[in-house]
Amino acid sequence: MDNNEFNVNEQFLAFKGKKVIVGVRNDIEYSGTLIAIDNYLNSVIEKEDGALQTLKGGEVNFIILDEN
């Protein structure tokens, strides 16, 4: 494949590298920098302490930009 992004939806890629808040089931929210995302919303965020959080796309309710 020529494309390193594996043809991920451009709207999803717009969040990559930016500070986001990801809401998942059970009203839990994670915030950090979006490191990776795919078409199923499987995501990896880097939290402020440097830890990586992997989120399964089926659990994601929303992803929004963190403007703080």
Protein backbone atom coordinates (compact mmCIF):
# COMPACT_ATOMS: atom_id res chain seq x y z
CA MET A 1 0.00 0.00 0.00
CA ASP A 2 1.42 3.42 -0.98
CA ASN A 3 -0.44 5.38 1.68
CA ASN A 4 0.82 5.21 5.28
CA GLU A 5 -2.63 6.21 6.55
CA PHE A 6 -4.29 3.06 5.08
CA ASN A 7 -7.09 5.15 3.53
CA VAL A 8 -8.51 6.36 6.84
CA ASN A 9 -11.44 8.74 6.58
CA GLU A 10 -10.09 12.30 6.21
CA GLN A 11 -12.49 13.62 8.87
CA PHE A 12 -11.00 11.22 11.42
CA LEU A 13 -7.46 12.16 10.40
CA ALA A 14 -8.25 15.84 11.07
CA PHE A 15 -8.14 14.98 14.81
CA LYS A 16 -4.78 13.21 14.65
CA GLY A 17 -2.03 15.02 16.54
CA LYS A 18 -4.51 17.31 18.33
CA LYS A 19 -5.74 17.43 21.90
CA VAL A 20 -9.06 15.61 22.12
CA ILE A 21 -11.61 14.31 24.57
CA VAL A 22 -12.88 10.81 23.82
CA GLY A 23 -16.13 9.73 25.45
CA VAL A 24 -16.75 6.01 25.85
CA ARG A 25 -19.50 3.87 27.30
CA ASN A 26 -20.35 4.22 31.00
CA ASP A 27 -19.84 8.01 30.75
CA ILE A 28 -16.04 7.76 30.97
CA GLU A 29 -13.98 10.42 29.19
CA TYR A 30 -10.30 10.33 28.28
CA SER A 31 -8.31 13.37 27.25
CA GLY A 32 -4.96 13.68 25.55
CA THR A 33 -3.32 13.91 22.15
CA LEU A 34 -4.73 11.60 19.49
CA ILE A 35 -1.83 9.49 18.24
CA ALA A 36 -3.65 7.00 15.99
CA ILE A 37 -7.16 6.33 14.69
CA ASP A 38 -8.72 4.03 12.11
CA ASN A 39 -12.04 3.81 10.29
CA TYR A 40 -13.57 1.83 13.17
CA LEU A 41 -12.63 4.60 15.67
CA ASN A 42 -10.07 2.34 17.35
CA SER A 43 -7.87 5.03 18.86
CA VAL A 44 -4.68 5.62 20.78
CA ILE A 45 -4.30 8.77 22.85
CA GLU A 46 -1.28 10.00 24.77
CA LYS A 47 -2.36 11.30 28.15
CA GLU A 48 -0.67 14.27 29.82
CA ASP A 49 1.49 11.98 31.97
CA GLY A 50 2.89 10.38 28.79
CA ALA A 51 0.93 7.13 29.18
CA LEU A 52 -0.79 5.69 26.12
CA GLN A 53 -4.47 4.76 26.28
CA THR A 54 -5.90 2.38 23.68
CA LEU A 55 -9.62 2.67 23.03
CA LYS A 56 -11.73 0.12 21.15
CA GLY A 57 -13.85 1.76 18.47
CA GLY A 58 -17.04 -0.06 19.51
CA GLU A 59 -16.82 1.62 22.92
CA VAL A 60 -16.37 5.18 21.57
CA ASN A 61 -19.39 7.48 21.79
CA PHE A 62 -17.70 10.70 20.63
CA ILE A 63 -14.40 12.41 19.90
CA ILE A 64 -14.20 16.18 20.25
CA LEU A 65 -11.36 18.73 20.17
CA ASP A 66 -10.18 19.83 23.62
CA GLU A 67 -9.99 23.60 23.39
CA ASN A 68 -8.49 24.14 26.87
